[in-house]
Amino acid sequence: MGVRKVRLKIGDVQRTRQISPSQICIVYEINLPVGEMLLQSWVTDARSNTQRGAYFAN
């Protein structure tokens, strides 16, 4: 993947995890309050340390 860090924000809840070069996905298990919330996600490139938006969340 070429990613070293994954950041997830859902409403006011934020989580960040380091990821190894061999991983192809990361799973977050988070208890959230009921209601609509904005989901945002970012990945940090392992080489350039550039942060960009992640394009897929399931």
C-alpha atoms as a PDB file:
ATOM      1  CA  MET A   1       0.000   0.000   0.000  1.00  0.00           C
ATOM      2  CA  GLY A   2       2.890   2.377   0.609  1.00  0.00           C
ATOM      3  CA  VAL A   3       1.115   3.779   3.656  1.00  0.00           C
ATOM      4  CA  ARG A   4       2.539   4.144   7.164  1.00  0.00           C
ATOM      5  CA  LYS A   5      -0.404   5.697   9.037  1.00  0.00           C
ATOM      6  CA  VAL A   6      -4.205   5.701   8.730  1.00  0.00           C
ATOM      7  CA  ARG A   7      -6.425   8.317  10.370  1.00  0.00           C
ATOM      8  CA  LEU A   8     -10.197   8.082  10.719  1.00  0.00           C
ATOM      9  CA  LYS A   9     -12.637  10.723  11.952  1.00  0.00           C
ATOM     10  CA  ILE A  10     -16.359  10.076  12.442  1.00  0.00           C
ATOM     11  CA  GLY A  11     -18.152  13.030  13.993  1.00  0.00           C
ATOM     12  CA  ASP A  12     -16.051  13.986  17.037  1.00  0.00           C
ATOM     13  CA  VAL A  13     -14.369  10.554  17.310  1.00  0.00           C
ATOM     14  CA  GLN A  14     -10.815  10.312  15.937  1.00  0.00           C
ATOM     15  CA  ARG A  15      -8.533   7.292  15.684  1.00  0.00           C
ATOM     16  CA  THR A  16      -5.034   6.931  14.213  1.00  0.00           C
ATOM     17  CA  ARG A  17      -3.063   3.732  13.653  1.00  0.00           C
ATOM     18  CA  GLN A  18       0.338   2.874  12.297  1.00  0.00           C
ATOM     19  CA  ILE A  19       0.254   0.288   9.511  1.00  0.00           C
ATOM     20  CA  SER A  20       2.999  -2.067   8.330  1.00  0.00           C
ATOM     21  CA  PRO A  21       4.042  -2.087   4.656  1.00  0.00           C
ATOM     22  CA  SER A  22       2.652  -5.602   4.184  1.00  0.00           C
ATOM     23  CA  GLN A  23      -0.881  -4.764   5.397  1.00  0.00           C
ATOM     24  CA  ILE A  24      -3.595  -4.327   2.785  1.00  0.00           C
ATOM     25  CA  CYS A  25      -6.326  -3.076   5.117  1.00  0.00           C
ATOM     26  CA  ILE A  26      -6.991  -1.804   8.613  1.00  0.00           C
ATOM     27  CA  VAL A  27     -10.075  -2.361  10.770  1.00  0.00           C
ATOM     28  CA  TYR A  28     -11.449   0.020  13.366  1.00  0.00           C
ATOM     29  CA  GLU A  29     -14.151  -1.053  15.814  1.00  0.00           C
ATOM     30  CA  ILE A  30     -15.743   2.034  17.359  1.00  0.00           C
ATOM     31  CA  ASN A  31     -18.927   2.506  19.376  1.00  0.00           C
ATOM     32  CA  LEU A  32     -20.669   5.578  17.995  1.00  0.00           C
ATOM     33  CA  PRO A  33     -23.650   7.566  19.188  1.00  0.00           C
ATOM     34  CA  VAL A  34     -26.863   7.326  17.185  1.00  0.00           C
ATOM     35  CA  GLY A  35     -27.321   9.951  14.464  1.00  0.00           C
ATOM     36  CA  GLU A  36     -25.828  11.290  11.282  1.00  0.00           C
ATOM     37  CA  MET A  37     -22.092  12.010  11.267  1.00  0.00           C
ATOM     38  CA  LEU A  38     -19.454  12.977   8.754  1.00  0.00           C
ATOM     39  CA  LEU A  39     -16.879  10.250   8.004  1.00  0.00           C
ATOM     40  CA  GLN A  40     -13.408  11.386   6.965  1.00  0.00           C
ATOM     41  CA  SER A  41     -10.295   9.278   6.397  1.00  0.00           C
ATOM     42  CA  TRP A  42      -6.675   9.963   5.529  1.00  0.00           C
ATOM     43  CA  VAL A  43      -3.553   7.935   4.814  1.00  0.00           C
ATOM     44  CA  THR A  44       0.044   9.067   5.268  1.00  0.00           C
ATOM     45  CA  ASP A  45       2.491   8.002   2.553  1.00  0.00           C
ATOM     46  CA  ALA A  46       5.419   5.953   3.859  1.00  0.00           C
ATOM     47  CA  ARG A  47       8.034   7.607   1.628  1.00  0.00           C
ATOM     48  CA  SER A  48       7.032  11.246   1.352  1.00  0.00           C
ATOM     49  CA  ASN A  49       5.096  11.569   4.637  1.00  0.00           C
ATOM     50  CA  THR A  50       2.367  13.273   2.572  1.00  0.00           C
ATOM     51  CA  GLN A  51      -1.174  12.947   3.879  1.00  0.00           C
ATOM     52  CA  ARG A  52      -4.001  12.341   1.414  1.00  0.00           C
ATOM     53  CA  GLY A  53      -7.621  11.312   1.598  1.00  0.00           C
ATOM     54  CA  ALA A  54      -8.472   7.630   1.625  1.00  0.00           C
ATOM     55  CA  TYR A  55     -10.961   6.838  -1.099  1.00  0.00           C
ATOM     56  CA  PHE A  56     -12.680   3.735   0.318  1.00  0.00           C
ATOM     57  CA  ALA A  57     -14.342   2.940   3.615  1.00  0.00           C
ATOM     58  CA  ASN A  58     -16.632  -0.005   4.197  1.00  0.00           C
END
